[in-house]
C-alpha cells in the first residue's frame, strides 16, 4: 500500500469498536491496529508502548509523532502541551508516510494507542 492509499484509508477511522492487546498495559484501537498491519509498523507501536508504560499516572495523555527523513526517523512523545517526555532516533525505517501523529491515552486500566481521528 502506498502513502496516498494509506492516508486515504486511515481517514475512515473516527472511533473504535475493539481494543487489541499489544502488551499487558497497552492496547491498540481499530485504526492503530490497521496502521500497524498495513504499514507493517508494529515496531512503532512497541516503541511507543515502551515509553507509555513507564509514565506516571499524572501523564494521562501523550502525543506521539514519528517524522521520517530519508530512511531514518525520530519518534517524539510529548504531553500535548509541548513538554517532551521522550525522544528516540530510529536508524532505519521503511515507514511509508513522511510523518504520523498518534495519541496515547491512559484509561485508568491500560494505555490506549489511537489515531488522532479516533480521539
Protein backbone atom coordinates (compact mmCIF):
# COMPACT_ATOMS: atom_id res chain seq x y z
CA UNK A 1 0.00 0.00 0.00
CA UNK A 2 1.47 3.35 -0.97
CA UNK A 3 1.38 6.51 1.16
CA UNK A 4 -1.61 8.05 -0.63
CA UNK A 5 -3.71 4.89 -0.26
CA UNK A 6 -2.72 4.52 3.38
CA UNK A 7 -3.57 8.14 4.22
CA UNK A 8 -6.93 7.76 2.48
CA UNK A 9 -7.70 4.53 4.37
CA UNK A 10 -6.73 6.00 7.74
CA UNK A 11 -9.32 8.79 7.34
CA UNK A 12 -12.15 6.26 7.79
CA UNK A 13 -11.28 5.72 11.46
CA UNK A 14 -13.22 8.09 13.73
CA UNK A 15 -13.68 5.87 16.75
CA UNK A 16 -13.10 2.26 17.68
CA UNK A 17 -15.23 -0.78 18.32
CA UNK A 18 -12.48 -3.05 19.66
CA UNK A 19 -9.24 -2.95 21.58
CA UNK A 20 -6.36 -5.20 20.56
CA UNK A 21 -3.91 -6.17 23.26
CA UNK A 22 -0.32 -5.21 22.40
CA UNK A 23 1.16 -5.66 25.88
CA UNK A 24 -0.21 -6.25 29.35
CA UNK A 25 -0.75 -2.50 29.87
CA UNK A 26 -1.20 -1.32 26.25
CA UNK A 27 -3.94 -1.80 23.65
CA UNK A 28 -4.48 -0.58 20.10
CA UNK A 29 -7.68 0.81 18.62
CA UNK A 30 -9.10 -0.34 15.30
CA UNK A 31 -7.24 2.43 13.47
CA UNK A 32 -3.91 1.92 15.23
CA UNK A 33 -4.09 -1.83 14.53
CA UNK A 34 -4.95 -1.14 10.89
CA UNK A 35 -1.93 1.15 10.62
CA UNK A 36 0.32 -1.45 12.28
CA UNK A 37 -0.95 -4.18 9.94
CA UNK A 38 -0.93 -2.24 6.67
CA UNK A 39 2.29 -0.26 7.22
CA UNK A 40 3.96 -3.24 8.93
CA UNK A 41 4.86 -1.00 11.83
CA UNK A 42 4.26 -2.99 14.99
CA UNK A 43 7.78 -1.81 15.81
CA UNK A 44 6.36 1.73 16.09
CA UNK A 45 3.56 0.60 18.41
CA UNK A 46 6.10 -1.32 20.52
CA UNK A 47 8.38 1.74 20.68
CA UNK A 48 5.51 3.97 21.84
CA UNK A 49 4.32 1.36 24.34
CA UNK A 50 7.82 1.01 25.77
CA UNK A 51 7.64 4.65 26.89
CA UNK A 52 3.95 4.91 27.83
CA UNK A 53 4.16 2.03 30.31
CA UNK A 54 6.65 3.95 32.44
CA UNK A 55 4.95 7.35 32.53
CA UNK A 56 3.49 8.30 35.87
CA UNK A 57 -0.33 8.19 36.12
CA UNK A 58 -0.38 12.02 36.07
CA UNK A 59 0.79 11.83 32.45
CA UNK A 60 -2.52 10.52 31.16
CA UNK A 61 -2.20 11.95 27.64
CA UNK A 62 0.68 11.68 25.18
CA UNK A 63 1.15 12.94 21.63
CA UNK A 64 3.39 10.58 19.70
CA UNK A 65 4.93 11.84 16.46
CA UNK A 66 7.04 9.86 14.02
CA UNK A 67 8.86 12.04 11.50
CA UNK A 68 10.66 10.25 8.67
CA UNK A 69 13.62 11.76 6.82
CA UNK A 70 15.11 9.67 4.02
CA UNK A 71 15.23 6.19 5.58
CA UNK A 72 15.56 7.22 9.22
CA UNK A 73 13.11 8.71 11.68
CA UNK A 74 12.64 10.41 15.02
CA UNK A 75 9.90 9.39 17.44
CA UNK A 76 8.94 12.19 19.83
CA UNK A 77 6.43 11.86 22.64
CA UNK A 78 5.12 14.96 24.38
CA UNK A 79 2.43 15.75 26.92
CA UNK A 80 0.20 17.67 24.50
CA UNK A 81 1.44 21.00 25.85
CA UNK A 82 4.86 20.86 24.24
CA UNK A 83 6.78 19.24 27.09
CA UNK A 84 8.85 16.44 25.57
CA UNK A 85 8.60 13.23 27.56
CA UNK A 86 10.74 11.01 25.31
CA UNK A 87 12.67 11.05 22.04
CA UNK A 88 14.07 8.11 20.10
CA UNK A 89 16.18 8.13 16.94
CA UNK A 90 15.41 5.29 14.55
CA UNK A 91 18.33 4.49 12.26
CA UNK A 92 16.34 2.79 9.52
CA UNK A 93 12.68 2.60 8.59
CA UNK A 94 10.64 1.85 5.50
CA UNK A 95 7.56 3.51 7.04
CA UNK A 96 5.50 4.69 4.04
CA UNK A 97 4.38 8.10 5.35
CA UNK A 98 6.59 11.16 5.89
CA UNK A 99 5.07 11.53 9.36
CA UNK A 100 2.27 10.28 11.58
CA UNK A 101 0.76 11.52 14.83
CA UNK A 102 -0.78 9.10 17.31
CA UNK A 103 -2.20 9.60 20.79
CA UNK A 104 -1.59 7.57 23.91
CA UNK A 105 -4.40 7.83 26.47
CA UNK A 106 -4.44 6.35 29.97
CA UNK A 107 -7.85 4.71 30.52
CA UNK A 108 -7.41 4.06 34.27
CA UNK A 109 -6.73 0.40 33.39
CA UNK A 110 -4.34 0.46 30.43
CA UNK A 111 -2.81 2.72 27.79
CA UNK A 112 -4.70 3.10 24.50
CA UNK A 113 -2.74 3.93 21.36
CA UNK A 114 -5.00 5.52 18.76
CA UNK A 115 -5.06 7.57 15.59
CA UNK A 116 -5.73 11.26 16.22
CA UNK A 117 -9.01 10.93 14.30
CA UNK A 118 -10.19 8.34 16.86
CA UNK A 119 -9.84 10.68 19.84
